[in-house]
Amino acid sequence: MRVDAQQTTGFPAVRLRRLRRTGALRDLVRETRLDLSDFVYPLFVGPDTRPNPDLSALGRFAVDDLVGEVEECVRLGVSAVILFGIPEEKDDEGSGAYADDGIVQRALRALRPRFPELLLLTDVCLCEYTSHGHCGVVANGEIDNDATLPLLARAAVSHVEAGADAVCPSDMMDGRIGAVRAALDGAGFDGTPIVAYSAKYASAFYGPFREAAESAPAFGDRRSYQLDPANVREAVREVELDLAEGADVVMIKPALPNLDVIRAARDRFQVPVAAYNVSGEYAMVKAAAARGWLDERQAAIESLVAIKRAGADIVISYWAKGLASWL
């Protein structure tokens, strides 16, 4: 008996809907899964506690209240957080970023003994601490790249001395990974990993973060040091240079507008790739959900799955705490 080839190689013999018929079948063949251990939850610490009624994950905590928030996160299963600091006072060189009694340093000393199992990451940048809001030292109206490097290195060392497990330089100054690596090694912290914000774009999606962290530039913008959103080859070069300088993990930011960049980094480099699901991405879904236009949980999970599917091993997300209960 002759069998029609179409019956064995295509429809109707092949029906892909068979494996979509029930939830159990869909779970069985799911290609990309979310695991809470892959997520990092951002937390803001400042001189006082200021809830954010519209964007709950972008509220900030005084140190004592931060301890309570972290205790709840750990109870829910969050295994890693990244700290951002808002100092009481700011100056031209962002000295609060590397002060022994800086806000992040105090937070680390409060958290480290209480939560030994929790991964404590810190953002290393000057923007929250400078009076002008830029990520580096300003000289003659421009960002002085090389003068900024030793200050970033000092900040990184001070964070590790206070209890950080890993440091995350986010400033986008050229050469800062090498400067931080040399400083950590020189201080005896050669085992501390660097999570580099390697491809950080000059994006419109940072607005809610800048309000929460009080870090909007007082003049100009950050396009002279953050990446042009039109460029992917340049992003790959940034990743390559950061790895050559000693980065252990590379990060793409923002995540959703740059899924192709995440994929390019994943395909090119055999290192852990992180992605930052930034405040604007979070805020868009929250705002639409508040209007009843979409389901927040479903939209958030779909967004996070897309980031993982693109190739991210680690995701920094304001949904990490919520994800703990959703999963």
C-alpha atoms as a PDB file:
ATOM      1  CA  MET A   1       0.000   0.000   0.000  1.00  0.00           C
ATOM      2  CA  ARG A   2       1.400   3.340  -0.985  1.00  0.00           C
ATOM      3  CA  VAL A   3       1.357   6.000   1.736  1.00  0.00           C
ATOM      4  CA  ASP A   4       1.037   9.656   0.769  1.00  0.00           C
ATOM      5  CA  ALA A   5       4.184  11.476   1.929  1.00  0.00           C
ATOM      6  CA  GLN A   6       2.067  14.419   3.064  1.00  0.00           C
ATOM      7  CA  GLN A   7       0.357  12.167   5.588  1.00  0.00           C
ATOM      8  CA  THR A   8       3.655  11.302   7.304  1.00  0.00           C
ATOM      9  CA  THR A   9       5.603  14.553   7.036  1.00  0.00           C
ATOM     10  CA  GLY A  10       2.916  17.197   7.368  1.00  0.00           C
ATOM     11  CA  PHE A  11      -0.713  17.853   8.186  1.00  0.00           C
ATOM     12  CA  PRO A  12      -2.863  15.880   9.001  1.00  0.00           C
ATOM     13  CA  ALA A  13      -0.270  13.434  10.425  1.00  0.00           C
ATOM     14  CA  VAL A  14       1.597  16.270  12.142  1.00  0.00           C
ATOM     15  CA  ARG A  15      -0.617  18.283  14.478  1.00  0.00           C
ATOM     16  CA  LEU A  16       1.379  20.530  16.791  1.00  0.00           C
ATOM     17  CA  ARG A  17      -1.766  21.404  18.710  1.00  0.00           C
ATOM     18  CA  ARG A  18      -1.714  17.926  20.270  1.00  0.00           C
ATOM     19  CA  LEU A  19       0.868  19.090  22.805  1.00  0.00           C
ATOM     20  CA  ARG A  20      -1.091  22.256  23.598  1.00  0.00           C
ATOM     21  CA  ARG A  21      -4.348  20.514  24.441  1.00  0.00           C
ATOM     22  CA  THR A  22      -4.062  20.549  28.235  1.00  0.00           C
ATOM     23  CA  GLY A  23      -2.151  22.487  30.850  1.00  0.00           C
ATOM     24  CA  ALA A  24      -0.238  19.358  31.875  1.00  0.00           C
ATOM     25  CA  LEU A  25       0.909  18.764  28.306  1.00  0.00           C
ATOM     26  CA  ARG A  26       1.921  22.396  27.879  1.00  0.00           C
ATOM     27  CA  ASP A  27       3.933  22.231  31.112  1.00  0.00           C
ATOM     28  CA  LEU A  28       5.625  19.020  29.985  1.00  0.00           C
ATOM     29  CA  VAL A  29       7.017  20.487  26.743  1.00  0.00           C
ATOM     30  CA  ARG A  30       7.654  24.056  27.929  1.00  0.00           C
ATOM     31  CA  GLU A  31      11.022  25.239  26.601  1.00  0.00           C
ATOM     32  CA  THR A  32      11.695  28.196  28.922  1.00  0.00           C
ATOM     33  CA  ARG A  33      11.030  28.135  32.656  1.00  0.00           C
ATOM     34  CA  LEU A  34      11.281  30.783  35.334  1.00  0.00           C
ATOM     35  CA  ASP A  35      13.262  29.885  38.422  1.00  0.00           C
ATOM     36  CA  LEU A  36      13.291  32.325  41.317  1.00  0.00           C
ATOM     37  CA  SER A  37      16.986  31.606  41.902  1.00  0.00           C
ATOM     38  CA  ASP A  38      17.748  33.373  38.582  1.00  0.00           C
ATOM     39  CA  PHE A  39      16.223  36.672  39.760  1.00  0.00           C
ATOM     40  CA  VAL A  40      17.629  39.652  41.638  1.00  0.00           C
ATOM     41  CA  TYR A  41      15.335  42.103  43.439  1.00  0.00           C
ATOM     42  CA  PRO A  42      16.300  45.821  43.440  1.00  0.00           C
ATOM     43  CA  LEU A  43      15.988  47.663  46.748  1.00  0.00           C
ATOM     44  CA  PHE A  44      16.405  51.373  47.514  1.00  0.00           C
ATOM     45  CA  VAL A  45      17.823  52.510  50.841  1.00  0.00           C
ATOM     46  CA  GLY A  46      17.870  56.110  52.039  1.00  0.00           C
ATOM     47  CA  PRO A  47      17.700  58.308  55.124  1.00  0.00           C
ATOM     48  CA  ASP A  48      13.963  57.675  55.520  1.00  0.00           C
ATOM     49  CA  THR A  49      11.244  55.320  54.330  1.00  0.00           C
ATOM     50  CA  ARG A  50       9.100  56.530  51.439  1.00  0.00           C
ATOM     51  CA  PRO A  51       6.513  54.102  50.067  1.00  0.00           C
ATOM     52  CA  ASN A  52       5.579  54.384  46.396  1.00  0.00           C
ATOM     53  CA  PRO A  53       1.792  53.846  46.218  1.00  0.00           C
ATOM     54  CA  ASP A  54       1.739  53.458  42.434  1.00  0.00           C
ATOM     55  CA  LEU A  55       4.928  51.441  41.924  1.00  0.00           C
ATOM     56  CA  SER A  56       5.328  49.446  45.107  1.00  0.00           C
ATOM     57  CA  ALA A  57       8.709  47.965  44.234  1.00  0.00           C
ATOM     58  CA  LEU A  58      10.200  51.428  43.783  1.00  0.00           C
ATOM     59  CA  GLY A  59       9.618  52.595  47.311  1.00  0.00           C
ATOM     60  CA  ARG A  60      12.649  53.264  49.475  1.00  0.00           C
ATOM     61  CA  PHE A  61      13.538  52.161  52.978  1.00  0.00           C
ATOM     62  CA  ALA A  62      15.465  53.500  55.913  1.00  0.00           C
ATOM     63  CA  VAL A  63      18.047  50.953  57.066  1.00  0.00           C
ATOM     64  CA  ASP A  64      15.917  49.581  59.918  1.00  0.00           C
ATOM     65  CA  ASP A  65      12.904  49.177  57.656  1.00  0.00           C
ATOM     66  CA  LEU A  66      15.065  47.650  54.933  1.00  0.00           C
ATOM     67  CA  VAL A  67      15.938  44.819  57.288  1.00  0.00           C
ATOM     68  CA  GLY A  68      12.242  44.018  57.673  1.00  0.00           C
ATOM     69  CA  GLU A  69      11.666  44.158  53.921  1.00  0.00           C
ATOM     70  CA  VAL A  70      14.584  41.848  53.251  1.00  0.00           C
ATOM     71  CA  GLU A  71      13.346  39.438  55.910  1.00  0.00           C
ATOM     72  CA  GLU A  72      10.047  39.183  54.034  1.00  0.00           C
ATOM     73  CA  CYS A  73      11.844  38.716  50.707  1.00  0.00           C
ATOM     74  CA  VAL A  74      13.959  35.900  52.111  1.00  0.00           C
ATOM     75  CA  ARG A  75      10.874  34.246  53.592  1.00  0.00           C
ATOM     76  CA  LEU A  76       9.254  34.297  50.142  1.00  0.00           C
ATOM     77  CA  GLY A  77      12.313  32.693  48.561  1.00  0.00           C
ATOM     78  CA  VAL A  78      14.156  35.656  47.030  1.00  0.00           C
ATOM     79  CA  SER A  79      17.824  34.681  47.009  1.00  0.00           C
ATOM     80  CA  ALA A  80      19.518  37.855  45.747  1.00  0.00           C
ATOM     81  CA  VAL A  81      19.022  41.615  46.020  1.00  0.00           C
ATOM     82  CA  ILE A  82      20.837  44.617  44.579  1.00  0.00           C
ATOM     83  CA  LEU A  83      21.085  47.763  46.687  1.00  0.00           C
ATOM     84  CA  PHE A  84      20.817  51.362  45.469  1.00  0.00           C
ATOM     85  CA  GLY A  85      21.579  54.176  47.892  1.00  0.00           C
ATOM     86  CA  ILE A  86      20.143  57.681  48.296  1.00  0.00           C
ATOM     87  CA  PRO A  87      22.371  59.756  50.605  1.00  0.00           C
ATOM     88  CA  GLU A  88      21.309  62.553  52.916  1.00  0.00           C
ATOM     89  CA  GLU A  89      23.674  64.975  51.179  1.00  0.00           C
ATOM     90  CA  LYS A  90      25.219  65.126  47.720  1.00  0.00           C
ATOM     91  CA  ASP A  91      28.349  66.786  46.383  1.00  0.00           C
ATOM     92  CA  ASP A  92      30.179  67.257  43.098  1.00  0.00           C
ATOM     93  CA  GLU A  93      32.262  64.083  43.436  1.00  0.00           C
ATOM     94  CA  GLY A  94      29.612  61.805  44.924  1.00  0.00           C
ATOM     95  CA  SER A  95      31.621  61.143  48.076  1.00  0.00           C
ATOM     96  CA  GLY A  96      28.685  59.345  49.693  1.00  0.00           C
ATOM     97  CA  ALA A  97      29.235  56.488  47.264  1.00  0.00           C
ATOM     98  CA  TYR A  98      32.548  55.532  48.851  1.00  0.00           C
ATOM     99  CA  ALA A  99      32.223  56.886  52.403  1.00  0.00           C
ATOM    100  CA  ASP A 100      32.749  54.325  55.170  1.00  0.00           C
ATOM    101  CA  ASP A 101      29.453  55.420  56.724  1.00  0.00           C
ATOM    102  CA  GLY A 102      27.618  55.765  53.409  1.00  0.00           C
ATOM    103  CA  ILE A 103      24.020  54.649  53.202  1.00  0.00           C
ATOM    104  CA  VAL A 104      24.730  51.446  51.258  1.00  0.00           C
ATOM    105  CA  GLN A 105      27.658  50.595  53.516  1.00  0.00           C
ATOM    106  CA  ARG A 106      25.409  50.954  56.583  1.00  0.00           C
ATOM    107  CA  ALA A 107      22.735  48.840  54.948  1.00  0.00           C
ATOM    108  CA  LEU A 108      25.228  46.103  54.117  1.00  0.00           C
ATOM    109  CA  ARG A 109      26.499  45.991  57.691  1.00  0.00           C
ATOM    110  CA  ALA A 110      22.925  45.672  58.934  1.00  0.00           C
ATOM    111  CA  LEU A 111      21.984  42.939  56.461  1.00  0.00           C
ATOM    112  CA  ARG A 112      25.089  40.796  56.241  1.00  0.00           C
ATOM    113  CA  PRO A 113      25.019  39.174  59.714  1.00  0.00           C
ATOM    114  CA  ARG A 114      21.240  38.725  59.667  1.00  0.00           C
ATOM    115  CA  PHE A 115      20.998  37.081  56.238  1.00  0.00           C
ATOM    116  CA  PRO A 116      24.180  35.096  55.604  1.00  0.00           C
ATOM    117  CA  GLU A 117      22.500  33.018  52.877  1.00  0.00           C
ATOM    118  CA  LEU A 118      21.300  36.051  50.873  1.00  0.00           C
ATOM    119  CA  LEU A 119      23.343  37.290  47.919  1.00  0.00           C
ATOM    120  CA  LEU A 120      23.999  41.005  48.397  1.00  0.00           C
ATOM    121  CA  LEU A 121      24.840  42.857  45.211  1.00  0.00           C
ATOM    122  CA  THR A 122      25.464  46.603  45.029  1.00  0.00           C
ATOM    123  CA  ASP A 123      25.171  49.165  42.295  1.00  0.00           C
ATOM    124  CA  VAL A 124      28.485  50.995  41.859  1.00  0.00           C
ATOM    125  CA  CYS A 125      27.900  54.431  40.364  1.00  0.00           C
ATOM    126  CA  LEU A 126      28.022  58.085  41.347  1.00  0.00           C
ATOM    127  CA  CYS A 127      24.721  59.338  39.905  1.00  0.00           C
ATOM    128  CA  GLU A 128      22.696  58.956  43.120  1.00  0.00           C
ATOM    129  CA  TYR A 129      25.416  60.731  45.095  1.00  0.00           C
ATOM    130  CA  THR A 130      26.438  63.663  42.882  1.00  0.00           C
ATOM    131  CA  SER A 131      24.811  67.065  43.117  1.00  0.00           C
ATOM    132  CA  HIS A 132      24.643  67.202  39.303  1.00  0.00           C
ATOM    133  CA  GLY A 133      23.178  63.710  38.885  1.00  0.00           C
ATOM    134  CA  HIS A 134      25.736  62.429  36.402  1.00  0.00           C
ATOM    135  CA  CYS A 135      27.524  59.094  36.695  1.00  0.00           C
ATOM    136  CA  GLY A 136      30.985  60.645  36.734  1.00  0.00           C
ATOM    137  CA  VAL A 137      32.982  63.690  37.761  1.00  0.00           C
ATOM    138  CA  VAL A 138      32.141  66.822  35.777  1.00  0.00           C
ATOM    139  CA  ALA A 139      34.950  69.019  34.476  1.00  0.00           C
ATOM    140  CA  ASN A 140      34.355  72.006  32.198  1.00  0.00           C
ATOM    141  CA  GLY A 141      30.795  70.897  31.569  1.00  0.00           C
ATOM    142  CA  GLU A 142      31.758  67.372  30.461  1.00  0.00           C
ATOM    143  CA  ILE A 143      32.079  64.008  32.187  1.00  0.00           C
ATOM    144  CA  ASP A 144      35.731  63.349  33.043  1.00  0.00           C
ATOM    145  CA  ASN A 145      36.040  59.633  32.390  1.00  0.00           C
ATOM    146  CA  ASP A 146      39.505  59.042  33.852  1.00  0.00           C
ATOM    147  CA  ALA A 147      38.992  61.148  36.966  1.00  0.00           C
ATOM    148  CA  THR A 148      35.906  59.077  37.756  1.00  0.00           C
ATOM    149  CA  LEU A 149      37.616  55.677  37.736  1.00  0.00           C
ATOM    150  CA  PRO A 150      39.390  55.838  41.124  1.00  0.00           C
ATOM    151  CA  LEU A 151      36.172  57.001  42.809  1.00  0.00           C
ATOM    152  CA  LEU A 152      34.245  54.045  41.409  1.00  0.00           C
ATOM    153  CA  ALA A 153      37.021  51.722  42.522  1.00  0.00           C
ATOM    154  CA  ARG A 154      36.883  53.170  46.054  1.00  0.00           C
ATOM    155  CA  ALA A 155      33.115  52.683  46.144  1.00  0.00           C
ATOM    156  CA  ALA A 156      33.411  49.047  45.061  1.00  0.00           C
ATOM    157  CA  VAL A 157      36.038  48.255  47.693  1.00  0.00           C
ATOM    158  CA  SER A 158      34.010  49.973  50.427  1.00  0.00           C
ATOM    159  CA  HIS A 159      30.950  47.891  49.497  1.00  0.00           C
ATOM    160  CA  VAL A 160      32.835  44.627  49.704  1.00  0.00           C
ATOM    161  CA  GLU A 161      34.433  45.637  52.994  1.00  0.00           C
ATOM    162  CA  ALA A 162      30.898  46.223  54.332  1.00  0.00           C
ATOM    163  CA  GLY A 163      29.650  42.810  53.219  1.00  0.00           C
ATOM    164  CA  ALA A 164      28.717  42.844  49.511  1.00  0.00           C
ATOM    165  CA  ASP A 165      29.021  39.530  47.666  1.00  0.00           C
ATOM    166  CA  ALA A 166      29.358  41.146  44.237  1.00  0.00           C
ATOM    167  CA  VAL A 167      29.645  44.673  42.820  1.00  0.00           C
ATOM    168  CA  CYS A 168      27.873  45.980  39.742  1.00  0.00           C
ATOM    169  CA  PRO A 169      29.479  49.018  38.048  1.00  0.00           C
ATOM    170  CA  SER A 170      26.735  50.804  36.093  1.00  0.00           C
ATOM    171  CA  ASP A 171      28.385  54.096  35.137  1.00  0.00           C
ATOM    172  CA  MET A 172      29.544  53.212  31.584  1.00  0.00           C
ATOM    173  CA  MET A 173      32.920  54.920  31.949  1.00  0.00           C
ATOM    174  CA  ASP A 174      35.608  53.410  29.721  1.00  0.00           C
ATOM    175  CA  GLY A 175      38.067  51.311  31.708  1.00  0.00           C
ATOM    176  CA  ARG A 176      36.062  51.136  34.902  1.00  0.00           C
ATOM    177  CA  ILE A 177      35.961  47.334  35.062  1.00  0.00           C
ATOM    178  CA  GLY A 178      39.739  47.156  34.970  1.00  0.00           C
ATOM    179  CA  ALA A 179      40.003  49.863  37.635  1.00  0.00           C
ATOM    180  CA  VAL A 180      37.508  48.104  39.910  1.00  0.00           C
ATOM    181  CA  ARG A 181      39.167  44.709  39.381  1.00  0.00           C
ATOM    182  CA  ALA A 182      42.608  46.095  40.221  1.00  0.00           C
ATOM    183  CA  ALA A 183      41.277  47.823  43.339  1.00  0.00           C
ATOM    184  CA  LEU A 184      39.454  44.740  44.587  1.00  0.00           C
ATOM    185  CA  ASP A 185      42.453  42.521  43.993  1.00  0.00           C
ATOM    186  CA  GLY A 186      44.746  45.036  45.669  1.00  0.00           C
ATOM    187  CA  ALA A 187      42.492  45.090  48.732  1.00  0.00           C
ATOM    188  CA  GLY A 188      42.515  41.297  49.002  1.00  0.00           C
ATOM    189  CA  PHE A 189      39.111  40.742  47.395  1.00  0.00           C
ATOM    190  CA  ASP A 190      40.281  38.827  44.344  1.00  0.00           C
ATOM    191  CA  GLY A 191      37.418  36.359  44.879  1.00  0.00           C
ATOM    192  CA  THR A 192      34.687  39.000  44.567  1.00  0.00           C
ATOM    193  CA  PRO A 193      32.880  38.883  41.196  1.00  0.00           C
ATOM    194  CA  ILE A 194      32.092  41.923  39.065  1.00  0.00           C
ATOM    195  CA  VAL A 195      28.708  42.104  37.359  1.00  0.00           C
ATOM    196  CA  ALA A 196      29.310  44.685  34.648  1.00  0.00           C
ATOM    197  CA  TYR A 197      26.576  46.850  33.185  1.00  0.00           C
ATOM    198  CA  SER A 198      28.300  46.282  29.860  1.00  0.00           C
ATOM    199  CA  ALA A 199      25.607  47.411  27.440  1.00  0.00           C
ATOM    200  CA  LYS A 200      23.644  50.113  29.216  1.00  0.00           C
ATOM    201  CA  TYR A 201      21.645  52.156  26.742  1.00  0.00           C
ATOM    202  CA  ALA A 202      20.679  55.820  26.976  1.00  0.00           C
ATOM    203  CA  SER A 203      17.033  54.863  27.373  1.00  0.00           C
ATOM    204  CA  ALA A 204      13.689  56.527  27.994  1.00  0.00           C
ATOM    205  CA  PHE A 205      12.736  53.600  30.245  1.00  0.00           C
ATOM    206  CA  TYR A 206      14.652  54.758  33.349  1.00  0.00           C
ATOM    207  CA  GLY A 207      12.241  57.495  34.449  1.00  0.00           C
ATOM    208  CA  PRO A 208      10.643  55.857  37.516  1.00  0.00           C
ATOM    209  CA  PHE A 209      14.052  54.686  38.756  1.00  0.00           C
ATOM    210  CA  ARG A 210      15.537  58.169  38.505  1.00  0.00           C
ATOM    211  CA  GLU A 211      12.646  59.548  40.520  1.00  0.00           C
ATOM    212  CA  ALA A 212      13.018  56.845  43.185  1.00  0.00           C
ATOM    213  CA  ALA A 213      16.807  57.191  43.340  1.00  0.00           C
ATOM    214  CA  GLU A 214      16.771  60.990  42.947  1.00  0.00           C
ATOM    215  CA  SER A 215      19.373  60.628  40.220  1.00  0.00           C
ATOM    216  CA  ALA A 216      18.099  62.597  37.225  1.00  0.00           C
ATOM    217  CA  PRO A 217      20.850  64.731  35.621  1.00  0.00           C
ATOM    218  CA  ALA A 218      20.687  68.399  36.594  1.00  0.00           C
ATOM    219  CA  PHE A 219      21.841  69.346  33.087  1.00  0.00           C
ATOM    220  CA  GLY A 220      22.154  67.651  29.724  1.00  0.00           C
ATOM    221  CA  ASP A 221      21.722  63.899  29.441  1.00  0.00           C
ATOM    222  CA  ARG A 222      23.799  60.729  29.543  1.00  0.00           C
ATOM    223  CA  ARG A 223      24.131  60.079  25.828  1.00  0.00           C
ATOM    224  CA  SER A 224      27.833  60.896  25.816  1.00  0.00           C
ATOM    225  CA  TYR A 225      28.584  57.792  27.886  1.00  0.00           C
ATOM    226  CA  GLN A 226      25.578  55.464  27.647  1.00  0.00           C
ATOM    227  CA  LEU A 227      24.976  53.486  24.462  1.00  0.00           C
ATOM    228  CA  ASP A 228      22.958  54.693  21.482  1.00  0.00           C
ATOM    229  CA  PRO A 229      19.806  52.508  21.355  1.00  0.00           C
ATOM    230  CA  ALA A 230      20.349  52.079  17.607  1.00  0.00           C
ATOM    231  CA  ASN A 231      23.605  50.128  18.044  1.00  0.00           C
ATOM    232  CA  VAL A 232      24.130  46.416  18.628  1.00  0.00           C
ATOM    233  CA  ARG A 233      27.643  45.881  17.268  1.00  0.00           C
ATOM    234  CA  GLU A 234      28.914  48.545  19.656  1.00  0.00           C
ATOM    235  CA  ALA A 235      27.194  46.721  22.512  1.00  0.00           C
ATOM    236  CA  VAL A 236      29.030  43.520  21.614  1.00  0.00           C
ATOM    237  CA  ARG A 237      32.315  45.455  21.667  1.00  0.00           C
ATOM    238  CA  GLU A 238      31.475  46.835  25.116  1.00  0.00           C
ATOM    239  CA  VAL A 239      30.836  43.329  26.406  1.00  0.00           C
ATOM    240  CA  GLU A 240      34.078  42.088  24.896  1.00  0.00           C
ATOM    241  CA  LEU A 241      36.100  44.895  26.463  1.00  0.00           C
ATOM    242  CA  ASP A 242      34.522  44.416  29.892  1.00  0.00           C
ATOM    243  CA  LEU A 243      35.376  40.723  29.823  1.00  0.00           C
ATOM    244  CA  ALA A 244      38.943  41.530  28.841  1.00  0.00           C
ATOM    245  CA  GLU A 245      39.172  43.885  31.845  1.00  0.00           C
ATOM    246  CA  GLY A 246      37.950  41.249  34.286  1.00  0.00           C
ATOM    247  CA  ALA A 247      34.136  41.197  34.324  1.00  0.00           C
ATOM    248  CA  ASP A 248      32.623  37.918  35.517  1.00  0.00           C
ATOM    249  CA  VAL A 249      29.042  38.601  34.429  1.00  0.00           C
ATOM    250  CA  VAL A 250      27.859  41.002  31.719  1.00  0.00           C
ATOM    251  CA  MET A 251      24.552  42.826  31.717  1.00  0.00           C
ATOM    252  CA  ILE A 252      22.227  44.277  29.086  1.00  0.00           C
ATOM    253  CA  LYS A 253      19.956  47.175  30.110  1.00  0.00           C
ATOM    254  CA  PRO A 254      17.057  47.771  29.450  1.00  0.00           C
ATOM    255  CA  ALA A 255      15.963  44.202  28.762  1.00  0.00           C
ATOM    256  CA  LEU A 256      12.776  44.220  26.683  1.00  0.00           C
ATOM    257  CA  PRO A 257      13.803  46.769  24.010  1.00  0.00           C
ATOM    258  CA  ASN A 258      17.113  44.905  23.654  1.00  0.00           C
ATOM    259  CA  LEU A 259      16.221  41.230  23.416  1.00  0.00           C
ATOM    260  CA  ASP A 260      18.335  41.027  20.271  1.00  0.00           C
ATOM    261  CA  VAL A 261      21.331  42.372  22.190  1.00  0.00           C
ATOM    262  CA  ILE A 262      20.822  39.772  24.922  1.00  0.00           C
ATOM    263  CA  ARG A 263      20.758  37.089  22.231  1.00  0.00           C
ATOM    264  CA  ALA A 264      23.885  38.496  20.564  1.00  0.00           C
ATOM    265  CA  ALA A 265      25.775  38.406  23.873  1.00  0.00           C
ATOM    266  CA  ARG A 266      24.489  34.915  24.677  1.00  0.00           C
ATOM    267  CA  ASP A 267      25.576  33.544  21.289  1.00  0.00           C
ATOM    268  CA  ARG A 268      28.976  35.235  21.283  1.00  0.00           C
ATOM    269  CA  PHE A 269      30.271  34.856  24.854  1.00  0.00           C
ATOM    270  CA  GLN A 270      30.449  31.820  27.133  1.00  0.00           C
ATOM    271  CA  VAL A 271      29.827  33.769  30.352  1.00  0.00           C
ATOM    272  CA  PRO A 272      26.737  34.439  32.457  1.00  0.00           C
ATOM    273  CA  VAL A 273      24.541  37.091  30.834  1.00  0.00           C
ATOM    274  CA  ALA A 274      22.297  39.279  32.982  1.00  0.00           C
ATOM    275  CA  ALA A 275      19.491  41.584  31.888  1.00  0.00           C
ATOM    276  CA  TYR A 276      17.835  44.427  33.789  1.00  0.00           C
ATOM    277  CA  ASN A 277      14.058  44.514  33.440  1.00  0.00           C
ATOM    278  CA  VAL A 278      14.003  48.228  34.207  1.00  0.00           C
ATOM    279  CA  SER A 279      11.589  50.538  35.989  1.00  0.00           C
ATOM    280  CA  GLY A 280       9.894  51.839  32.850  1.00  0.00           C
ATOM    281  CA  GLU A 281       9.108  48.317  31.684  1.00  0.00           C
ATOM    282  CA  TYR A 282       7.650  47.560  35.109  1.00  0.00           C
ATOM    283  CA  ALA A 283       5.723  50.850  35.213  1.00  0.00           C
ATOM    284  CA  MET A 284       4.116  50.366  31.804  1.00  0.00           C
ATOM    285  CA  VAL A 285       2.591  47.051  32.829  1.00  0.00           C
ATOM    286  CA  LYS A 286       1.528  48.400  36.235  1.00  0.00           C
ATOM    287  CA  ALA A 287      -0.147  51.421  34.631  1.00  0.00           C
ATOM    288  CA  ALA A 288      -1.941  49.365  32.010  1.00  0.00           C
ATOM    289  CA  ALA A 289      -3.088  46.867  34.641  1.00  0.00           C
ATOM    290  CA  ALA A 290      -4.406  49.708  36.815  1.00  0.00           C
ATOM    291  CA  ARG A 291      -6.567  50.775  33.859  1.00  0.00           C
ATOM    292  CA  GLY A 292      -7.822  47.250  33.372  1.00  0.00           C
ATOM    293  CA  TRP A 293      -6.164  46.967  29.964  1.00  0.00           C
ATOM    294  CA  LEU A 294      -4.206  43.817  30.764  1.00  0.00           C
ATOM    295  CA  ASP A 295      -3.549  41.279  33.486  1.00  0.00           C
ATOM    296  CA  GLU A 296      -0.417  42.283  35.424  1.00  0.00           C
ATOM    297  CA  ARG A 297       0.635  38.783  36.420  1.00  0.00           C
ATOM    298  CA  GLN A 298       0.271  37.329  32.934  1.00  0.00           C
ATOM    299  CA  ALA A 299       1.993  40.302  31.286  1.00  0.00           C
ATOM    300  CA  ALA A 300       4.834  40.253  33.802  1.00  0.00           C
ATOM    301  CA  ILE A 301       5.457  36.527  33.418  1.00  0.00           C
ATOM    302  CA  GLU A 302       5.312  36.798  29.631  1.00  0.00           C
ATOM    303  CA  SER A 303       7.856  39.635  29.744  1.00  0.00           C
ATOM    304  CA  LEU A 304      10.195  37.710  32.034  1.00  0.00           C
ATOM    305  CA  VAL A 305       9.926  34.561  29.934  1.00  0.00           C
ATOM    306  CA  ALA A 306      10.851  36.611  26.852  1.00  0.00           C
ATOM    307  CA  ILE A 307      13.977  37.904  28.607  1.00  0.00           C
ATOM    308  CA  LYS A 308      14.988  34.392  29.626  1.00  0.00           C
ATOM    309  CA  ARG A 309      14.161  33.016  26.170  1.00  0.00           C
ATOM    310  CA  ALA A 310      16.416  35.627  24.591  1.00  0.00           C
ATOM    311  CA  GLY A 311      19.319  34.169  26.566  1.00  0.00           C
ATOM    312  CA  ALA A 312      19.544  35.898  29.944  1.00  0.00           C
ATOM    313  CA  ASP A 313      20.811  33.692  32.753  1.00  0.00           C
ATOM    314  CA  ILE A 314      20.127  36.326  35.430  1.00  0.00           C
ATOM    315  CA  VAL A 315      17.280  38.863  35.492  1.00  0.00           C
ATOM    316  CA  ILE A 316      17.134  41.931  37.724  1.00  0.00           C
ATOM    317  CA  SER A 317      13.451  42.739  38.039  1.00  0.00           C
ATOM    318  CA  TYR A 318      11.017  44.681  40.207  1.00  0.00           C
ATOM    319  CA  TRP A 319       8.683  41.691  39.857  1.00  0.00           C
ATOM    320  CA  ALA A 320      11.097  39.325  41.617  1.00  0.00           C
ATOM    321  CA  LYS A 321       9.279  39.575  44.943  1.00  0.00           C
ATOM    322  CA  GLY A 322       5.868  39.094  43.306  1.00  0.00           C
ATOM    323  CA  LEU A 323       7.256  36.249  41.240  1.00  0.00           C
ATOM    324  CA  ALA A 324       8.081  34.457  44.458  1.00  0.00           C
ATOM    325  CA  SER A 325       4.377  34.067  45.188  1.00  0.00           C
ATOM    326  CA  TRP A 326       3.297  33.577  41.554  1.00  0.00           C
ATOM    327  CA  LEU A 327       5.615  30.618  41.042  1.00  0.00           C
END
